[in-house]
Protein backbone atom coordinates (compact mmCIF):
# COMPACT_ATOMS: atom_id res chain seq x y z
CA MET A 1 0.00 0.00 0.00
CA PRO A 2 1.50 3.38 -0.97
CA ALA A 3 2.43 5.84 1.73
CA PRO A 4 0.01 8.76 1.85
CA ALA A 5 1.66 12.17 1.71
CA ALA A 6 0.21 12.99 5.15
CA GLU A 7 2.65 10.52 6.74
CA ALA A 8 5.68 12.61 5.84
CA HIS A 9 6.42 16.29 6.29
CA PRO A 10 9.07 18.66 5.03
CA LEU A 11 12.13 18.76 7.25
CA PRO A 12 12.70 21.95 9.24
CA PRO A 13 15.27 24.32 7.70
CA ASP A 14 17.64 23.64 10.61
CA SER A 15 17.65 19.87 9.99
CA PRO A 16 21.18 18.42 9.86
CA LEU A 17 20.30 17.14 6.37
CA PHE A 18 20.52 20.76 5.18
CA ASP A 19 24.02 21.33 6.61
CA GLY A 20 26.21 22.55 3.76
CA TYR A 21 23.21 23.33 1.54
CA HIS A 22 23.17 26.76 -0.06
CA PRO A 23 20.05 27.26 -2.18
CA VAL A 24 20.67 28.79 -5.58
CA GLU A 25 17.86 29.33 -8.07
CA PRO A 26 18.39 27.00 -11.05
CA GLY A 27 18.60 29.82 -13.61
CA PRO A 28 18.99 29.32 -17.37
CA GLN A 29 21.57 26.55 -16.99
CA PHE A 30 18.94 24.25 -15.47
CA THR A 31 15.67 25.52 -16.99
CA ASP A 32 14.25 25.36 -20.48
CA SER A 33 12.65 28.25 -22.41
CA ALA A 34 9.29 27.54 -20.71
CA GLY A 35 10.88 27.72 -17.26
CA HIS A 36 10.69 23.97 -16.57
CA LEU A 37 13.55 22.35 -14.69
CA ILE A 38 16.06 20.37 -16.73
CA TYR A 39 17.12 17.18 -14.96
CA PRO A 40 19.94 14.89 -16.13
CA ASP A 41 18.61 12.56 -18.82
CA ASP A 42 18.54 9.12 -17.19
CA THR A 43 17.94 7.41 -20.53
CA LEU A 44 21.39 8.27 -21.87
CA PRO A 45 24.06 5.54 -21.76
CA SER A 46 26.49 8.14 -20.34
CA LYS A 47 24.33 8.34 -17.16
CA PRO A 48 24.82 12.11 -16.60
CA TYR A 49 23.08 11.88 -13.21
CA ALA A 50 26.01 9.84 -11.82
CA ILE A 51 29.65 10.67 -11.16
CA PRO A 52 31.56 8.69 -13.83
CA GLY A 53 32.96 5.40 -12.57
CA THR A 54 30.55 5.10 -9.63
CA VAL A 55 27.68 3.17 -11.22
CA VAL A 56 26.91 -0.28 -9.80
CA PRO A 57 24.27 -1.62 -12.20
CA ASP A 58 22.64 -4.21 -9.95
CA ALA A 59 23.06 -3.26 -6.30
CA ASN A 60 21.78 -5.73 -3.73
CA LEU A 61 20.30 -3.91 -0.76
CA ALA A 62 20.07 -6.05 2.36
CA ALA A 63 16.95 -6.36 4.48
CA GLY A 64 16.97 -3.58 7.04
CA THR A 65 18.74 -1.04 4.79
CA GLU A 66 17.37 2.38 5.74
CA LEU A 67 16.57 4.73 2.87
CA GLY A 68 15.16 8.23 2.47
CA ARG A 69 13.63 10.36 -0.23
CA PHE A 70 12.70 14.01 -0.65
CA GLY A 71 9.37 13.93 -2.47
CA PRO A 72 6.51 11.52 -3.05
CA PRO A 73 6.80 7.77 -3.55
CA SER A 74 5.92 8.20 -7.23
CA GLY A 75 9.62 8.91 -7.88
CA SER A 76 12.35 6.43 -8.72
CA TYR A 77 15.35 7.66 -6.72
CA LEU A 78 16.28 6.91 -3.11
CA ALA A 79 19.36 7.50 -0.95
CA PRO A 80 20.68 6.16 2.33
CA ASP A 81 18.56 7.74 5.07
CA GLY A 82 20.31 10.83 6.36
CA THR A 83 22.18 11.70 3.16
CA PRO A 84 22.69 15.49 3.18
CA PHE A 85 20.46 17.36 0.74
CA ALA A 86 23.35 19.09 -1.09
CA GLN A 87 24.92 15.70 -1.85
CA LEU A 88 21.77 14.64 -3.75
CA SER A 89 21.91 17.50 -6.31
CA LEU A 90 18.19 18.22 -6.04
CA PRO A 91 16.51 21.50 -7.07
CA PRO A 92 15.73 24.03 -4.31
CA LYS A 93 11.99 23.28 -4.41
CA SER A 94 12.71 19.72 -3.22
CA ALA A 95 13.98 21.08 0.11
CA SER A 96 10.36 21.87 1.02
CA SER A 97 9.04 18.48 -0.15
CA PRO A 98 8.02 15.87 2.41
CA TYR A 99 10.89 13.63 3.49
CA PHE A 100 9.95 9.95 3.45
CA ARG A 101 11.85 7.17 5.20
CA TYR A 102 11.83 3.55 4.07
CA VAL A 103 13.47 0.28 4.98
CA VAL A 104 14.20 -2.66 2.69
CA ASP A 105 11.75 -5.21 4.06
CA ASP A 106 12.21 -8.22 1.77
CA PRO A 107 14.92 -8.03 -0.92
CA THR A 108 13.47 -11.10 -2.65
CA MET A 109 10.35 -9.08 -3.51
CA LEU A 110 12.08 -6.91 -6.12
CA PRO A 111 9.82 -7.45 -9.15
CA PRO A 112 11.19 -9.69 -11.92
CA GLY A 113 13.32 -7.72 -14.37
CA TRP A 114 13.67 -4.76 -12.01
CA GLN A 115 17.00 -3.60 -10.65
CA ILE A 116 18.41 -1.11 -8.19
CA GLU A 117 21.28 0.88 -9.66
CA GLN A 118 23.69 2.49 -7.19
CA SER A 119 25.84 5.51 -7.99
CA ARG A 120 27.06 8.79 -6.57
CA ALA A 121 25.01 11.84 -7.56
CA ALA A 122 26.68 14.09 -10.11
CA PRO A 123 26.78 17.83 -9.40
CA TRP A 124 23.57 19.48 -10.63
CA PHE A 125 21.32 22.43 -9.72
CA HIS A 126 24.38 24.27 -8.34
CA GLN A 127 24.86 21.56 -5.70
CA PRO A 128 28.04 19.48 -5.23
CA GLY A 129 26.45 16.02 -5.33
CA GLY A 130 28.63 13.10 -4.31
CA GLY A 131 26.02 11.34 -2.18
CA THR A 132 25.07 7.72 -2.75
CA GLN A 133 21.84 7.38 -4.70
CA TYR A 134 19.75 4.41 -5.75
CA ARG A 135 17.82 4.51 -9.01
CA ILE A 136 14.95 2.07 -9.43
CA ILE A 137 14.90 0.69 -12.97
CA ALA A 138 11.93 -1.20 -14.39
CA PRO A 139 11.77 -3.23 -17.60
CA PRO A 140 10.67 -1.40 -20.77
CA GLY A 141 6.97 -0.59 -20.65
CA GLU A 142 6.80 -0.49 -16.85
CA ARG A 143 7.10 2.61 -14.68
CA ALA A 144 9.67 2.39 -11.89
CA SER A 145 8.67 3.96 -8.57
CA VAL A 146 9.11 3.66 -4.84
CA GLU A 147 5.35 3.16 -4.68
CA VAL A 148 5.53 -0.10 -6.65
CA LEU A 149 8.30 -1.42 -4.39
CA ILE A 150 6.11 -0.69 -1.35
CA GLN A 151 3.14 -2.46 -2.95
CA ARG A 152 5.31 -5.49 -3.79
CA GLY A 153 6.73 -5.76 -0.26
CA TYR A 154 10.31 -4.87 -1.16
CA LEU A 155 10.14 -1.61 0.82
CA LYS A 156 8.28 -0.66 3.97
CA VAL A 157 7.41 2.89 5.02
CA VAL A 158 9.03 3.99 8.27
CA GLN A 159 6.86 6.37 10.28
CA ASN A 160 8.47 9.79 10.71
């Protein structure tokens, strides 16, 4: 069952996860002509969202691994719980998104054909990156999300 947004709240600005974070508006480098944010293209073989040489294509996360995410469970990226915001290279608006915590409940419940890719976040949105990130990858035609991994029993929501 997916975690309702009411179960998670934005972290206070003085949270230790914001230590070292200096918000900078994305500006033209990270926005298109319509003002939409430009994220690294995760379909490219060069994997511009990851620091080169850090990609582990099929990471095995053990039961009990604690994870966190800024934003709803509809997304496909996670990080070790407690990873500083600046190390995740997220846009400033994500700092006010609810912070969700998860734990790997049953690693055998990763859906067939799915994988968890581990890497270190590349610098983006004027942030240094460098934090460990996990990208959920689904087979072609399926949409990868934290929500699906909760429904399948791979992840469990940790109450904040």
